[in-house]
Amino acid sequence: MAEFFSRLYEAIFQGQIFKLELVFSRIPEVLKYLPITLEIAITATLFSLVFGFLVALVKVKDIPVLRRIAQFYVSFTRGTPVMIQLYATYFGIPMILKALDLPSAFINKIPPIIFSVVALALNDAAYSSEAIRAAIQAVDKGQIEAAHSIGMTGWQTLRRITIPESLVIALPSLGNGFIGMIKATSLVFVTAVVEMSKHGQMIAGRDFRQFEMQVTLAIVYWVITMVISRLLFMWERKLKCNERDDGKGGKNDTVARLEQVV
């Protein structure tokens, strides 16, 4: 048994089956494609927040026909794999554009990254819409009543009360969604986009050291998510501190502050 572990130790740490130096030496090469990964993740997240907010409003306002459509969209999107949605977007959008008699030259010039952003945004919006809906419904009704009592319109109340308050509530869930988006970008290679994960596979294909490359990618994604998690935590704590400072005076203080805004 001792001989077995001795041989295993030599095989691992002497580079016969695993080369530790490759793990860290390839990090700079992988990071060259970090901007593409972040571009996809940030752009898709922004679009998903806008669309998710609209879907949440439809559910909160209980608009009859649109509510049914929103429920189907959320159920279908959350019930199907991201990979299938990426494939469907990559092949489906060109087919739709061709059915609209758009020229093939125009369709062929669409950057593949567009398909990735659309698919990831639609996928994340299904999750973020539920977080936003719950956050909107959790906003203190007293603040909304105070806004209406001083003559604020529905849009003003939404912009100055509901959205800021619900942001504090939904931020943890939305932050987790953004971290998930970062990791989901590793699947966009199916739409012919080369980002960190795909570039790493291409590097590993040259010398067939796939395991070391996967460890490298795991370390890079882990560090990125750790940094983002810390930044989101600091932002959330700052928002909560501001909320506590603004809410010390109760409903009367809320009315006074709103009157100053108006």
Protein backbone atom coordinates (compact mmCIF):
# COMPACT_ATOMS: atom_id res chain seq x y z
CA MET A 1 0.00 0.00 0.00
CA ALA A 2 2.84 2.36 0.84
CA GLU A 3 4.42 1.63 -2.53
CA PHE A 4 1.14 2.44 -4.29
CA PHE A 5 0.86 5.86 -2.64
CA SER A 6 4.54 6.51 -3.30
CA ARG A 7 4.06 5.88 -7.02
CA LEU A 8 0.87 7.95 -7.04
CA TYR A 9 2.69 10.85 -5.38
CA GLU A 10 5.50 10.67 -7.93
CA ALA A 11 3.05 10.45 -10.83
CA ILE A 12 1.14 13.55 -9.69
CA PHE A 13 3.91 15.82 -8.49
CA GLN A 14 6.55 14.83 -11.04
CA GLY A 15 4.30 15.64 -13.98
CA GLN A 16 3.50 12.17 -15.27
CA ILE A 17 -0.27 12.58 -15.06
CA PHE A 18 -0.65 16.16 -13.83
CA LYS A 19 1.54 19.23 -14.37
CA LEU A 20 0.85 21.85 -11.75
CA GLU A 21 2.95 24.50 -13.48
CA LEU A 22 0.65 24.36 -16.51
CA VAL A 23 -2.32 25.31 -14.38
CA PHE A 24 -0.90 28.70 -13.40
CA SER A 25 1.14 29.41 -16.53
CA ARG A 26 -2.00 29.31 -18.69
CA ILE A 27 -4.01 31.77 -16.61
CA PRO A 28 -2.69 34.83 -18.56
CA GLU A 29 -3.68 33.19 -21.86
CA VAL A 30 -7.19 32.47 -20.60
CA LEU A 31 -7.62 36.00 -19.21
CA LYS A 32 -7.11 37.46 -22.69
CA TYR A 33 -10.71 36.44 -23.39
CA LEU A 34 -12.10 37.71 -20.08
CA PRO A 35 -13.39 40.94 -21.72
CA ILE A 36 -15.57 38.88 -24.08
CA THR A 37 -16.96 36.87 -21.18
CA LEU A 38 -17.76 40.01 -19.21
CA GLU A 39 -19.24 41.74 -22.26
CA ILE A 40 -21.66 38.89 -22.81
CA ALA A 41 -22.56 38.58 -19.13
CA ILE A 42 -23.08 42.30 -18.47
CA THR A 43 -25.02 42.96 -21.69
CA ALA A 44 -27.26 39.92 -21.21
CA THR A 45 -27.87 40.84 -17.57
CA LEU A 46 -28.91 44.41 -18.43
CA PHE A 47 -31.40 43.22 -21.06
CA SER A 48 -32.69 40.50 -18.72
CA LEU A 49 -33.33 43.05 -15.95
CA VAL A 50 -35.35 45.27 -18.28
CA PHE A 51 -37.38 42.39 -19.71
CA GLY A 52 -37.69 40.71 -16.32
CA PHE A 53 -39.01 43.94 -14.83
CA LEU A 54 -41.68 44.18 -17.54
CA VAL A 55 -42.70 40.56 -16.97
CA ALA A 56 -42.87 41.21 -13.22
CA LEU A 57 -45.07 44.27 -13.74
CA VAL A 58 -47.45 42.25 -15.91
CA LYS A 59 -47.83 39.74 -13.07
CA VAL A 60 -48.12 42.35 -10.32
CA LYS A 61 -50.76 44.34 -12.26
CA ASP A 62 -52.50 41.05 -13.13
CA ILE A 63 -53.11 41.96 -16.79
CA PRO A 64 -55.34 39.05 -17.96
CA VAL A 65 -53.95 37.99 -21.36
CA LEU A 66 -50.38 39.15 -20.83
CA ARG A 67 -50.27 37.43 -17.45
CA ARG A 68 -50.97 34.06 -19.09
CA ILE A 69 -48.26 34.68 -21.68
CA ALA A 70 -45.81 35.68 -18.96
CA GLN A 71 -46.58 32.57 -16.93
CA PHE A 72 -46.01 30.35 -19.97
CA TYR A 73 -42.75 32.13 -20.81
CA VAL A 74 -41.39 31.77 -17.28
CA SER A 75 -42.46 28.14 -16.99
CA PHE A 76 -41.06 27.14 -20.38
CA THR A 77 -37.78 29.00 -19.99
CA ARG A 78 -37.10 27.72 -16.49
CA GLY A 79 -38.04 24.20 -17.53
CA THR A 80 -35.65 23.85 -20.49
CA PRO A 81 -31.82 23.66 -20.52
CA VAL A 82 -29.78 26.74 -21.38
CA MET A 83 -27.91 24.75 -24.03
CA ILE A 84 -31.12 24.02 -25.92
CA GLN A 85 -32.12 27.68 -25.72
CA LEU A 86 -28.75 28.72 -27.14
CA TYR A 87 -29.12 26.28 -30.03
CA ALA A 88 -32.73 27.38 -30.63
CA THR A 89 -31.69 31.03 -30.72
CA TYR A 90 -28.67 30.40 -32.94
CA PHE A 91 -30.66 28.49 -35.55
CA GLY A 92 -34.12 29.96 -34.93
CA ILE A 93 -33.45 33.69 -35.32
CA PRO A 94 -31.94 33.34 -38.83
CA MET A 95 -34.91 31.18 -39.87
CA ILE A 96 -37.34 33.84 -38.62
CA LEU A 97 -35.43 36.59 -40.41
CA LYS A 98 -35.47 34.57 -43.64
CA ALA A 99 -39.22 34.09 -43.27
CA LEU A 100 -39.49 37.89 -43.12
CA ASP A 101 -37.72 38.05 -46.52
CA LEU A 102 -34.61 39.75 -45.18
CA PRO A 103 -31.56 39.31 -47.43
CA SER A 104 -29.22 36.45 -46.62
CA ALA A 105 -26.24 38.80 -46.81
CA PHE A 106 -27.66 40.76 -43.88
CA ILE A 107 -28.48 37.66 -41.85
CA ASN A 108 -25.02 36.14 -42.37
CA LYS A 109 -23.38 39.33 -41.08
CA ILE A 110 -25.08 39.14 -37.67
CA PRO A 111 -22.34 38.61 -35.07
CA PRO A 112 -22.72 35.26 -33.24
CA ILE A 113 -22.39 37.08 -29.93
CA ILE A 114 -25.85 38.59 -30.55
CA PHE A 115 -27.44 35.14 -30.44
CA SER A 116 -25.62 34.38 -27.19
CA VAL A 117 -26.78 37.60 -25.55
CA VAL A 118 -30.39 37.09 -26.65
CA ALA A 119 -30.54 33.51 -25.38
CA LEU A 120 -28.89 34.23 -22.04
CA ALA A 121 -30.95 37.39 -21.50
CA LEU A 122 -34.25 35.58 -22.13
CA ASN A 123 -33.17 32.74 -19.86
CA ASP A 124 -32.11 34.97 -16.98
CA ALA A 125 -35.17 37.22 -17.33
CA ALA A 126 -37.41 34.29 -16.44
CA TYR A 127 -35.62 33.99 -13.08
CA SER A 128 -35.08 37.68 -12.39
CA SER A 129 -38.76 38.44 -13.09
CA GLU A 130 -39.79 36.28 -10.14
CA ALA A 131 -37.26 37.97 -7.85
CA ILE A 132 -38.38 41.41 -8.99
CA ARG A 133 -42.07 40.52 -8.63
CA ALA A 134 -41.53 39.35 -5.05
CA ALA A 135 -39.49 42.48 -4.28
CA ILE A 136 -42.16 44.82 -5.66
CA GLN A 137 -44.86 43.13 -3.62
CA ALA A 138 -42.68 43.42 -0.50
CA VAL A 139 -42.37 47.23 -0.72
CA ASP A 140 -43.97 48.97 2.25
CA LYS A 141 -47.51 49.94 1.29
CA GLY A 142 -47.31 52.93 3.60
CA GLN A 143 -44.68 54.58 1.43
CA ILE A 144 -46.80 54.07 -1.68
CA GLU A 145 -49.83 55.54 0.08
CA ALA A 146 -47.71 58.50 1.21
CA ALA A 147 -46.63 59.09 -2.39
CA HIS A 148 -50.21 59.02 -3.62
CA SER A 149 -51.32 61.33 -0.80
CA ILE A 150 -49.06 64.13 -2.05
CA GLY A 151 -50.25 63.75 -5.63
CA MET A 152 -47.59 61.54 -7.20
CA THR A 153 -48.67 59.75 -10.37
CA GLY A 154 -48.32 56.01 -10.77
CA TRP A 155 -45.16 56.43 -12.86
CA GLN A 156 -43.59 58.80 -10.32
CA THR A 157 -44.37 56.40 -7.49
CA LEU A 158 -42.88 53.54 -9.46
CA ARG A 159 -39.71 55.46 -10.33
CA ARG A 160 -39.08 57.15 -6.98
CA ILE A 161 -40.46 54.64 -4.48
CA THR A 162 -41.13 51.16 -5.84
CA ILE A 163 -38.01 50.63 -7.95
CA PRO A 164 -35.45 51.94 -5.42
CA GLU A 165 -37.06 50.03 -2.54
CA SER A 166 -37.46 46.80 -4.49
CA LEU A 167 -33.85 47.02 -5.67
CA VAL A 168 -32.63 46.66 -2.09
CA ILE A 169 -34.85 43.60 -1.59
CA ALA A 170 -34.07 41.91 -4.92
CA LEU A 171 -30.33 42.68 -5.04
CA PRO A 172 -29.14 39.39 -3.45
CA SER A 173 -31.16 37.29 -5.90
CA LEU A 174 -30.20 39.46 -8.87
CA GLY A 175 -26.56 39.30 -7.80
CA ASN A 176 -26.69 35.52 -7.71
CA GLY A 177 -28.24 35.64 -11.16
CA PHE A 178 -25.32 37.70 -12.46
CA ILE A 179 -22.84 35.22 -11.00
CA GLY A 180 -24.77 32.44 -12.69
CA MET A 181 -24.64 34.43 -15.91
CA ILE A 182 -20.84 34.58 -15.70
CA LYS A 183 -20.71 30.80 -15.48
CA ALA A 184 -23.35 30.33 -18.18
CA THR A 185 -21.12 32.13 -20.69
CA SER A 186 -19.00 28.98 -20.78
CA LEU A 187 -21.78 27.45 -22.93
CA VAL A 188 -21.89 30.10 -25.65
CA PHE A 189 -19.34 28.20 -27.73
CA VAL A 190 -22.36 26.46 -29.29
CA THR A 191 -23.12 29.77 -31.04
CA ALA A 192 -19.60 29.99 -32.47
CA VAL A 193 -18.43 32.50 -29.85
CA VAL A 194 -14.90 32.11 -28.47
CA GLU A 195 -14.74 33.18 -24.83
CA MET A 196 -12.59 32.01 -21.92
CA SER A 197 -13.86 28.45 -21.74
CA LYS A 198 -13.71 27.80 -25.49
CA HIS A 199 -10.30 29.43 -25.78
CA GLY A 200 -9.08 27.19 -22.97
CA GLN A 201 -10.32 24.12 -24.82
CA MET A 202 -8.52 25.25 -27.95
CA ILE A 203 -5.27 25.67 -25.99
CA ALA A 204 -5.65 22.26 -24.37
CA GLY A 205 -6.28 20.69 -27.77
CA ARG A 206 -2.76 21.56 -28.84
CA ASP A 207 -0.99 19.42 -26.21
CA PHE A 208 -3.88 17.26 -24.95
CA ARG A 209 -3.55 18.51 -21.36
CA GLN A 210 -7.28 18.90 -20.83
CA PHE A 211 -7.33 18.26 -17.09
CA GLU A 212 -4.84 21.01 -16.28
CA MET A 213 -6.83 23.44 -18.43
CA GLN A 214 -10.08 22.60 -16.67
CA VAL A 215 -8.40 23.27 -13.33
CA THR A 216 -7.13 26.59 -14.71
CA LEU A 217 -10.62 27.59 -15.85
CA ALA A 218 -12.10 26.54 -12.51
CA ILE A 219 -9.64 28.77 -10.65
CA VAL A 220 -10.30 31.74 -12.96
CA TYR A 221 -14.11 31.46 -12.69
CA TRP A 222 -13.87 30.97 -8.94
CA VAL A 223 -11.78 34.10 -8.41
CA ILE A 224 -14.07 36.16 -10.66
CA THR A 225 -17.20 35.06 -8.80
CA MET A 226 -15.52 35.70 -5.45
CA VAL A 227 -14.66 39.28 -6.46
CA ILE A 228 -18.17 39.93 -7.82
CA SER A 229 -19.77 38.44 -4.70
CA ARG A 230 -17.71 40.75 -2.50
CA LEU A 231 -18.60 43.83 -4.55
CA LEU A 232 -22.29 42.94 -4.49
CA PHE A 233 -22.16 42.40 -0.73
CA MET A 234 -20.61 45.85 -0.22
CA TRP A 235 -23.22 47.46 -2.48
CA GLU A 236 -26.07 45.70 -0.70
CA ARG A 237 -24.78 46.78 2.72
CA LYS A 238 -24.49 50.38 1.54
CA LEU A 239 -28.05 50.38 0.19
CA LYS A 240 -29.39 48.94 3.44
CA CYS A 241 -27.54 51.56 5.48
CA ASN A 242 -29.06 54.33 3.35
CA GLU A 243 -32.49 52.75 3.70
CA ARG A 244 -32.22 52.65 7.50
CA ASP A 245 -31.12 56.28 7.61
CA ASP A 246 -34.03 57.35 5.39
CA GLY A 247 -36.62 55.32 7.27
CA LYS A 248 -36.05 56.54 10.83
CA GLY A 249 -38.89 59.05 10.81
CA GLY A 250 -41.74 56.68 9.88
CA LYS A 251 -44.62 57.55 7.57
CA ASN A 252 -44.70 61.27 8.41
CA ASP A 253 -41.02 61.58 7.60
CA THR A 254 -41.63 59.70 4.38
CA VAL A 255 -44.28 62.21 3.37
CA ALA A 256 -41.97 65.10 4.18
CA ARG A 257 -39.15 63.65 2.11
CA LEU A 258 -41.46 62.98 -0.81
CA GLU A 259 -42.78 66.52 -0.71
CA GLN A 260 -39.20 67.78 -0.96
CA VAL A 261 -38.64 65.56 -4.00
CA VAL A 262 -41.82 66.79 -5.68
